[in-house]
C-alpha atoms as a PDB file:
ATOM      1  CA  MET A   1      26.883  42.755  -1.157  1.00  0.00           C
ATOM      2  CA  SER A   2      25.521  43.262  -4.826  1.00  0.00           C
ATOM      3  CA  LYS A   3      21.925  42.524  -6.323  1.00  0.00           C
ATOM      4  CA  ILE A   4      23.763  39.635  -8.594  1.00  0.00           C
ATOM      5  CA  THR A   5      25.575  38.226  -4.901  1.00  0.00           C
ATOM      6  CA  SER A   6      22.023  38.033  -2.859  1.00  0.00           C
ATOM      7  CA  GLY A   7      20.408  36.778  -6.461  1.00  0.00           C
ATOM      8  CA  ILE A   8      23.265  34.025  -6.336  1.00  0.00           C
ATOM      9  CA  VAL A   9      23.127  32.919  -2.363  1.00  0.00           C
ATOM     10  CA  LEU A  10      19.096  33.031  -2.484  1.00  0.00           C
ATOM     11  CA  PHE A  11      19.351  30.977  -5.202  1.00  0.00           C
ATOM     12  CA  SER A  12      21.932  28.357  -4.019  1.00  0.00           C
ATOM     13  CA  LEU A  13      20.233  28.527  -0.371  1.00  0.00           C
ATOM     14  CA  LEU A  14      16.486  27.316  -2.137  1.00  0.00           C
ATOM     15  CA  MET A  15      18.500  24.460  -4.504  1.00  0.00           C
ATOM     16  CA  ALA A  16      19.900  22.848  -1.581  1.00  0.00           C
ATOM     17  CA  LEU A  17      16.468  23.072   0.240  1.00  0.00           C
ATOM     18  CA  SER A  18      14.725  21.778  -2.687  1.00  0.00           C
ATOM     19  CA  LEU A  19      17.281  19.074  -2.549  1.00  0.00           C
ATOM     20  CA  GLY A  20      17.007  18.543   1.044  1.00  0.00           C
ATOM     21  CA  VAL A  21      13.080  17.869   0.550  1.00  0.00           C
ATOM     22  CA  ALA A  22      13.712  15.692  -2.406  1.00  0.00           C
ATOM     23  CA  PHE A  23      15.890  13.292  -0.650  1.00  0.00           C
ATOM     24  CA  ALA A  24      13.955  13.363   2.222  1.00  0.00           C
ATOM     25  CA  GLU A  25      10.643  12.214   0.522  1.00  0.00           C
ATOM     26  CA  SER A  26      12.628   9.432  -0.894  1.00  0.00           C
ATOM     27  CA  GLU A  27      13.321   7.807   2.081  1.00  0.00           C
ATOM     28  CA  VAL A  28      10.266   8.312   3.372  1.00  0.00           C
ATOM     29  CA  ALA A  29       9.181   5.932  -0.344  1.00  0.00           C
ATOM     30  CA  PRO A  30      10.090   2.956   1.547  1.00  0.00           C
ATOM     31  CA  MET A  31       7.994   3.038   4.312  1.00  0.00           C
ATOM     32  CA  ASN A  32       5.148   3.612   2.156  1.00  0.00           C
ATOM     33  CA  GLU A  33       5.930   0.416  -0.137  1.00  0.00           C
ATOM     34  CA  THR A  34       6.032  -1.463   3.290  1.00  0.00           C
ATOM     35  CA  GLU A  35       2.712  -0.708   4.859  1.00  0.00           C
ATOM     36  CA  ASN A  36       1.207  -0.604   1.170  1.00  0.00           C
ATOM     37  CA  ALA A  37       2.301  -4.457   0.873  1.00  0.00           C
ATOM     38  CA  THR A  38       1.154  -4.685   4.502  1.00  0.00           C
ATOM     39  CA  GLU A  39      -1.767  -3.450   3.886  1.00  0.00           C
ATOM     40  CA  ASN A  40      -1.739  -6.499   0.808  1.00  0.00           C
ATOM     41  CA  VAL A  41      -1.120  -8.923   2.388  1.00  0.00           C
ATOM     42  CA  THR A  42      -3.640  -8.206   4.843  1.00  0.00           C
ATOM     43  CA  GLU A  43      -6.483  -7.613   2.409  1.00  0.00           C
ATOM     44  CA  ASN A  44      -5.766 -10.702   0.103  1.00  0.00           C
ATOM     45  CA  ALA A  45      -5.522 -13.194   3.593  1.00  0.00           C
ATOM     46  CA  THR A  46      -9.130 -11.632   4.263  1.00  0.00           C
ATOM     47  CA  MET A  47     -10.470 -12.106   0.713  1.00  0.00           C
ATOM     48  CA  ASN A  48      -9.010 -15.487   0.929  1.00  0.00           C
ATOM     49  CA  ALA A  49      -9.923 -16.937   4.246  1.00  0.00           C
ATOM     50  CA  THR A  50     -13.854 -15.250   3.404  1.00  0.00           C
ATOM     51  CA  LEU A  51     -13.872 -16.918  -0.173  1.00  0.00           C
ATOM     52  CA  ASN A  52     -12.616 -20.204   0.911  1.00  0.00           C
ATOM     53  CA  ALA A  53     -15.568 -20.027   3.610  1.00  0.00           C
ATOM     54  CA  THR A  54     -18.182 -19.193   1.466  1.00  0.00           C
ATOM     55  CA  MET A  55     -17.080 -21.976  -0.871  1.00  0.00           C
ATOM     56  CA  ASN A  56     -17.167 -24.444   1.798  1.00  0.00           C
ATOM     57  CA  ALA A  57     -20.462 -23.409   3.245  1.00  0.00           C
ATOM     58  CA  THR A  58     -21.744 -23.410   0.155  1.00  0.00           C
ATOM     59  CA  ILE A  59     -20.172 -27.480  -1.293  1.00  0.00           C
ATOM     60  CA  ASN A  60     -21.404 -28.284   2.550  1.00  0.00           C
ATOM     61  CA  ALA A  61     -24.747 -27.125   1.963  1.00  0.00           C
ATOM     62  CA  THR A  62     -24.834 -28.694  -1.945  1.00  0.00           C
ATOM     63  CA  GLU A  63     -24.055 -31.828  -0.341  1.00  0.00           C
ATOM     64  CA  ASN A  64     -26.215 -31.752   2.380  1.00  0.00           C
ATOM     65  CA  VAL A  65     -29.379 -31.283  -0.085  1.00  0.00           C
ATOM     66  CA  THR A  66     -27.633 -34.118  -2.428  1.00  0.00           C
ATOM     67  CA  VAL A  67     -28.172 -36.265   0.550  1.00  0.00           C
ATOM     68  CA  GLU A  68     -31.217 -35.611   1.485  1.00  0.00           C
ATOM     69  CA  THR A  69     -32.789 -36.098  -1.529  1.00  0.00           C
ATOM     70  CA  THR A  70     -31.312 -39.339  -2.688  1.00  0.00           C
ATOM     71  CA  ALA A  71     -31.671 -40.703   0.703  1.00  0.00           C
END
């Protein structure tokens, strides 16, 4: 083969490899989005539970102090 033909073949192989990698990464992306969504739901649930527990404890403590001082 001539140098030009060898260059074209090498270039074609590299382009095919690049396209293969690009398509492989695009199929991995939805899995990452699913993992991110799951992590976000878990974090939100944890934060909400913590905030609710803290707010309830604060309200209960405030009500107890109010009842004790007025009684």
